[in-house]
Amino acid sequence: MGSADRSIIRRARSVLTSVAVGALLAYGVAFIVLWSQLEKRFVFSPVAELLYTPNDAGLEYEDIRFQTSDGLTLHGWFIPGKDPVTEVDRPFTWVWFHGNGGNLGYRVDELALAHHQTGDDIFIFDYRGFGESDGKPSERGTYLDSRAALNHLKSRPGFDSRRMVYLGHSLGAAVAVELSLTQPPSALVLVSPFASVRDMAGLALPFPPAAWLLRNHYDNVARVRKINAPVLVLHGDQDDTVPLSQGRKLYEAANQPKQFQTLEGAGHNDTYEAASEQYCGAIESFLAEIE
């Protein structure tokens, strides 16, 4: 092989190396952008300003401040239910775990519907970094927040942990599932839940192994297998944020007793509006079975 041939080969190798490095850099930038957008979309997207309160929906409520084990002050609302006529009419207490975006004020209409439908006590709170709650959100932080919320409820006069229902929407479903491992409720209602953040990342990222680099895991499937409380899964068939298949995957992993309700025509954030009859009917019949 002559020197001219060797020179051509060296140049060819140099060009190929440059192309490979360029491709890797381009992929790296694209991955970082996708990663950032994915975590923002599916994990945390808080809003600080509270635009609405239960007053705007005609609901009486108590404004609550309580402390986490790591020294943060969280904000919540306690909406009292109807006074029971007899012992049989004692209300449940709903511990409400909202989704990844906004804050408490974004849930006022849904709270009003739930209060009208059930007549039960409702306690909803903002995770750290959301609304008027201190701190910055994280997976571990949401778990600490859920324990602080439950500790507050336990300190309230008349609270009965035997009549406690967790309702979690999307990210909130993951927080509710994790809390159920150590503080099991009477029942668990999961609205638009996902199997895990990694599972969701695998659907959204072009390079599936990249999902393992995500900082937040929220592995609901692994955890729900260890829960024995009754589980109701509600999921819209038009959900383009968390596909219906994710809710079904979580449902399949759950233990009996369990129910699944497809909400026809509902997306991710309009479940209680777009499929109100199915949404309310499924919850009503579910609660009737655990009375």
Protein backbone atom coordinates (compact mmCIF):
# COMPACT_ATOMS: atom_id res chain seq x y z
CA MET A 1 0.00 0.00 0.00
CA GLY A 2 1.48 3.32 -1.06
CA SER A 3 1.71 6.50 0.95
CA ALA A 4 -1.13 8.04 -1.09
CA ASP A 5 -3.42 5.15 -0.17
CA ARG A 6 -2.53 5.41 3.50
CA SER A 7 -3.22 9.15 3.40
CA ILE A 8 -6.68 8.54 1.91
CA ILE A 9 -7.46 5.98 4.60
CA ARG A 10 -6.36 8.36 7.36
CA ARG A 11 -8.55 11.13 5.94
CA ALA A 12 -11.50 8.76 5.65
CA ARG A 13 -11.05 7.65 9.27
CA SER A 14 -10.85 11.26 10.37
CA VAL A 15 -14.06 12.12 8.54
CA LEU A 16 -15.87 9.10 10.01
CA THR A 17 -14.64 9.97 13.50
CA SER A 18 -15.85 13.55 13.10
CA VAL A 19 -19.24 12.34 11.88
CA ALA A 20 -19.54 9.90 14.79
CA VAL A 21 -18.57 12.52 17.36
CA GLY A 22 -20.99 15.01 15.80
CA ALA A 23 -23.79 12.46 15.87
CA LEU A 24 -23.11 11.63 19.53
CA LEU A 25 -23.05 15.32 20.45
CA ALA A 26 -26.29 15.93 18.56
CA TYR A 27 -27.91 12.95 20.28
CA GLY A 28 -26.60 14.14 23.64
CA VAL A 29 -28.11 17.60 23.19
CA ALA A 30 -31.41 16.13 21.97
CA PHE A 31 -31.50 13.73 24.91
CA ILE A 32 -30.84 16.48 27.45
CA VAL A 33 -33.66 18.57 25.95
CA LEU A 34 -36.05 15.61 25.89
CA TRP A 35 -35.06 14.57 29.39
CA SER A 36 -35.69 18.06 30.72
CA GLN A 37 -39.06 18.32 28.98
CA LEU A 38 -40.10 14.83 30.07
CA GLU A 39 -39.34 15.43 33.73
CA LYS A 40 -41.10 18.79 33.60
CA ARG A 41 -44.15 17.34 31.88
CA PHE A 42 -44.52 14.13 33.85
CA VAL A 43 -42.93 14.95 37.19
CA PHE A 44 -42.97 18.52 38.57
CA SER A 45 -44.52 21.67 37.14
CA PRO A 46 -45.57 23.75 40.17
CA VAL A 47 -47.27 27.15 40.21
CA ALA A 48 -46.88 29.46 43.21
CA GLU A 49 -49.90 31.76 42.91
CA LEU A 50 -53.22 30.57 44.33
CA LEU A 51 -55.96 31.93 42.09
CA TYR A 52 -58.92 30.13 43.66
CA THR A 53 -59.98 28.75 47.03
CA PRO A 54 -62.94 26.55 48.06
CA ASN A 55 -64.82 29.78 48.81
CA ASP A 56 -65.07 30.31 45.05
CA ALA A 57 -67.06 27.07 44.83
CA GLY A 58 -69.22 27.85 47.86
CA LEU A 59 -67.40 25.41 50.14
CA GLU A 60 -66.58 25.95 53.79
CA TYR A 61 -62.98 25.08 54.54
CA GLU A 62 -60.16 25.37 57.03
CA ASP A 63 -56.81 26.76 55.90
CA ILE A 64 -54.07 24.47 57.24
CA ARG A 65 -50.33 24.86 57.81
CA PHE A 66 -48.34 21.87 58.99
CA GLN A 67 -44.72 20.78 59.32
CA THR A 68 -42.70 18.07 57.57
CA SER A 69 -40.07 15.97 59.32
CA ASP A 70 -37.33 17.95 57.54
CA GLY A 71 -38.59 21.32 58.75
CA LEU A 72 -40.74 22.66 55.90
CA THR A 73 -44.16 24.28 56.24
CA LEU A 74 -46.80 22.91 53.88
CA HIS A 75 -50.19 24.35 53.00
CA GLY A 76 -53.48 22.50 52.76
CA TRP A 77 -57.24 22.77 53.00
CA PHE A 78 -59.62 20.72 55.12
CA ILE A 79 -63.18 20.68 53.76
CA PRO A 80 -65.60 19.22 56.32
CA GLY A 81 -68.25 16.77 55.18
CA LYS A 82 -71.88 16.57 56.18
CA ASP A 83 -72.68 15.84 59.81
CA PRO A 84 -73.72 12.17 60.14
CA VAL A 85 -77.31 11.48 61.17
CA THR A 86 -76.43 8.05 62.57
CA GLU A 87 -73.27 6.06 63.23
CA VAL A 88 -73.79 4.31 59.89
CA ASP A 89 -73.63 7.68 58.13
CA ARG A 90 -70.14 8.49 59.36
CA PRO A 91 -68.20 10.10 56.51
CA PHE A 92 -64.96 8.90 55.02
CA THR A 93 -61.98 11.21 55.06
CA TRP A 94 -60.47 11.65 51.61
CA VAL A 95 -56.74 12.37 51.51
CA TRP A 96 -56.28 14.04 48.15
CA PHE A 97 -52.96 13.80 46.27
CA HIS A 98 -53.05 16.13 43.28
CA GLY A 99 -51.06 15.86 40.06
CA ASN A 100 -47.75 17.31 38.96
CA GLY A 101 -48.89 20.75 37.82
CA GLY A 102 -50.34 23.91 39.32
CA ASN A 103 -51.42 23.88 42.96
CA LEU A 104 -54.48 23.48 45.18
CA GLY A 105 -56.38 26.24 43.42
CA TYR A 106 -56.45 24.26 40.20
CA ARG A 107 -58.54 21.56 41.92
CA VAL A 108 -61.39 23.62 43.36
CA ASP A 109 -64.04 22.51 40.84
CA GLU A 110 -63.15 18.85 41.29
CA LEU A 111 -63.20 19.23 45.08
CA ALA A 112 -66.67 20.76 44.87
CA LEU A 113 -67.92 17.85 42.76
CA ALA A 114 -66.43 15.28 45.15
CA HIS A 115 -67.89 17.05 48.18
CA HIS A 116 -71.34 17.24 46.58
CA GLN A 117 -71.17 13.61 45.45
CA THR A 118 -69.91 12.00 48.66
CA GLY A 119 -70.59 14.41 51.52
CA ASP A 120 -67.27 13.27 53.00
CA ASP A 121 -64.41 15.13 54.65
CA ILE A 122 -61.66 16.10 52.21
CA PHE A 123 -58.07 17.02 53.01
CA ILE A 124 -55.90 18.25 50.15
CA PHE A 125 -52.41 19.71 50.41
CA ASP A 126 -49.68 21.14 48.22
CA TYR A 127 -46.38 19.30 47.97
CA ARG A 128 -43.22 21.23 48.75
CA GLY A 129 -42.56 23.89 46.12
CA PHE A 130 -46.22 24.03 45.04
CA GLY A 131 -48.51 26.94 45.87
CA GLU A 132 -47.76 28.30 49.33
CA SER A 133 -45.78 25.28 50.50
CA ASP A 134 -42.09 25.75 51.28
CA GLY A 135 -39.18 24.04 49.56
CA LYS A 136 -38.37 22.49 46.21
CA PRO A 137 -40.16 19.38 44.87
CA SER A 138 -38.46 16.00 44.68
CA GLU A 139 -39.56 12.37 44.71
CA ARG A 140 -38.32 11.80 48.26
CA GLY A 141 -39.84 15.13 49.27
CA THR A 142 -43.32 14.14 48.12
CA TYR A 143 -43.09 11.01 50.26
CA LEU A 144 -42.12 13.09 53.31
CA ASP A 145 -44.95 15.50 52.52
CA SER A 146 -47.54 12.71 52.38
CA ARG A 147 -46.47 11.46 55.81
CA ALA A 148 -46.65 14.96 57.25
CA ALA A 149 -50.17 15.38 55.83
CA LEU A 150 -51.30 12.11 57.37
CA ASN A 151 -49.72 12.99 60.73
CA HIS A 152 -51.68 16.23 60.69
CA LEU A 153 -54.92 14.37 60.03
CA LYS A 154 -54.23 11.93 62.84
CA SER A 155 -53.88 14.85 65.24
CA ARG A 156 -57.35 16.18 64.42
CA PRO A 157 -60.18 15.39 66.87
CA GLY A 158 -62.56 12.72 65.61
CA PHE A 159 -60.33 11.46 62.81
CA ASP A 160 -60.89 7.74 62.14
CA SER A 161 -58.09 6.05 60.19
CA ARG A 162 -60.41 3.09 59.56
CA ARG A 163 -62.50 5.31 57.27
CA MET A 164 -59.78 6.88 55.17
CA VAL A 165 -59.61 6.91 51.36
CA TYR A 166 -56.60 8.01 49.34
CA LEU A 167 -57.33 9.64 45.97
CA GLY A 168 -54.33 10.27 43.76
CA HIS A 169 -54.30 11.80 40.30
CA SER A 170 -51.35 11.02 37.97
CA LEU A 171 -48.23 11.93 39.99
CA GLY A 172 -50.45 12.01 43.06
CA ALA A 173 -51.38 8.38 42.41
CA ALA A 174 -47.70 7.50 42.79
CA VAL A 175 -47.47 9.38 46.10
CA ALA A 176 -50.65 7.69 47.37
CA VAL A 177 -49.39 4.25 46.35
CA GLU A 178 -46.10 4.75 48.18
CA LEU A 179 -47.83 5.96 51.36
CA SER A 180 -50.16 2.94 51.24
CA LEU A 181 -47.21 0.61 51.84
CA THR A 182 -46.75 1.82 55.41
CA GLN A 183 -50.05 3.62 56.11
CA PRO A 184 -52.73 1.58 54.32
CA PRO A 185 -56.07 3.33 53.70
CA SER A 186 -59.53 1.81 53.66
CA ALA A 187 -59.42 2.17 49.89
CA LEU A 188 -57.22 3.59 47.15
CA VAL A 189 -58.60 5.53 44.15
CA LEU A 190 -56.06 6.12 41.36
CA VAL A 191 -56.99 8.52 38.55
CA SER A 192 -54.91 8.57 35.34
CA PRO A 193 -51.98 6.72 36.95
CA PHE A 194 -48.76 5.59 35.30
CA ALA A 195 -46.81 2.36 35.85
CA SER A 196 -43.53 4.17 36.54
CA VAL A 197 -41.66 7.24 35.33
CA ARG A 198 -39.18 4.96 33.58
CA ASP A 199 -42.05 3.24 31.81
CA MET A 200 -43.33 6.60 30.65
CA ALA A 201 -39.84 7.64 29.56
CA GLY A 202 -39.54 4.48 27.50
CA LEU A 203 -42.62 5.58 25.57
CA ALA A 204 -41.37 9.12 25.03
CA LEU A 205 -37.59 8.88 24.51
CA PRO A 206 -36.09 7.61 21.22
CA PHE A 207 -33.38 5.68 23.07
CA PRO A 208 -35.12 3.46 25.66
CA PRO A 209 -32.06 2.78 27.89
CA ALA A 210 -31.90 6.52 28.54
CA ALA A 211 -34.95 6.11 30.74
CA TRP A 212 -32.70 4.56 33.38
CA LEU A 213 -30.90 7.90 33.78
CA LEU A 214 -34.02 9.66 35.03
CA ARG A 215 -33.74 10.98 38.57
CA ASN A 216 -37.34 10.28 39.54
CA HIS A 217 -38.65 6.73 39.45
CA TYR A 218 -42.07 6.51 41.14
CA ASP A 219 -42.24 2.75 40.53
CA ASN A 220 -45.97 2.21 41.06
CA VAL A 221 -46.15 -1.30 39.60
CA ALA A 222 -43.57 -2.70 42.02
CA ARG A 223 -45.31 -1.07 44.97
CA VAL A 224 -48.94 -1.76 44.17
CA ARG A 225 -48.19 -5.50 44.23
CA LYS A 226 -47.53 -5.16 47.97
CA ILE A 227 -50.80 -3.34 48.76
CA ASN A 228 -53.88 -5.21 49.96
CA ALA A 229 -56.34 -2.31 50.23
CA PRO A 230 -59.16 -2.22 47.64
CA VAL A 231 -58.03 -0.37 44.51
CA LEU A 232 -60.10 1.55 41.94
CA VAL A 233 -58.36 2.74 38.77
CA LEU A 234 -60.04 5.41 36.63
CA HIS A 235 -58.49 6.30 33.28
CA GLY A 236 -59.62 8.32 30.27
CA ASP A 237 -59.50 6.61 26.87
CA GLN A 238 -58.42 9.92 25.26
CA ASP A 239 -55.52 10.54 27.65
CA ASP A 240 -52.59 11.73 25.52
CA THR A 241 -50.36 12.44 28.55
CA VAL A 242 -50.51 9.06 30.28
CA PRO A 243 -51.86 6.39 27.90
CA LEU A 244 -54.73 4.18 28.97
CA SER A 245 -52.36 1.21 28.73
CA GLN A 246 -50.40 2.62 31.69
CA GLY A 247 -53.47 2.57 33.91
CA ARG A 248 -54.28 -0.97 32.82
CA LYS A 249 -50.73 -2.11 33.51
CA LEU A 250 -50.97 -0.78 37.05
CA TYR A 251 -54.41 -2.33 37.50
CA GLU A 252 -53.15 -5.75 36.36
CA ALA A 253 -50.36 -5.59 38.95
CA ALA A 254 -52.74 -4.71 41.81
CA ASN A 255 -54.16 -7.31 44.19
CA GLN A 256 -57.84 -8.09 44.59
CA PRO A 257 -60.25 -6.55 45.39
CA LYS A 258 -59.85 -4.11 42.51
CA GLN A 259 -61.89 -2.36 39.83
CA PHE A 260 -61.04 -0.62 36.57
CA GLN A 261 -63.20 2.02 34.93
CA THR A 262 -62.47 3.39 31.47
CA LEU A 263 -63.68 6.98 31.22
CA GLU A 264 -64.99 7.34 27.69
CA GLY A 265 -64.07 10.58 25.97
CA ALA A 266 -61.92 11.79 28.85
CA GLY A 267 -58.34 13.02 28.62
CA HIS A 268 -55.78 13.45 31.38
CA ASN A 269 -57.02 16.47 33.31
CA ASP A 270 -60.74 16.53 32.49
CA THR A 271 -61.76 13.10 33.80
CA TYR A 272 -64.34 14.42 36.28
CA GLU A 273 -65.86 16.74 33.63
CA ALA A 274 -65.71 14.82 30.34
CA ALA A 275 -66.93 11.57 31.89
CA SER A 276 -68.66 12.85 35.02
CA GLU A 277 -71.32 10.14 35.13
CA GLN A 278 -68.84 7.27 34.81
CA TYR A 279 -66.37 8.96 37.16
CA CYS A 280 -68.86 9.58 39.95
CA GLY A 281 -70.74 6.33 39.41
CA ALA A 282 -67.59 4.21 39.67
CA ILE A 283 -66.52 5.92 42.90
CA GLU A 284 -70.00 5.65 44.42
CA SER A 285 -70.32 1.91 43.71
CA PHE A 286 -66.72 1.32 44.83
CA LEU A 287 -67.32 3.01 48.19
CA ALA A 288 -70.59 1.12 48.65
CA GLU A 289 -68.68 -2.15 48.48
CA ILE A 290 -66.16 -1.19 51.17
CA GLU A 291 -68.70 0.18 53.66
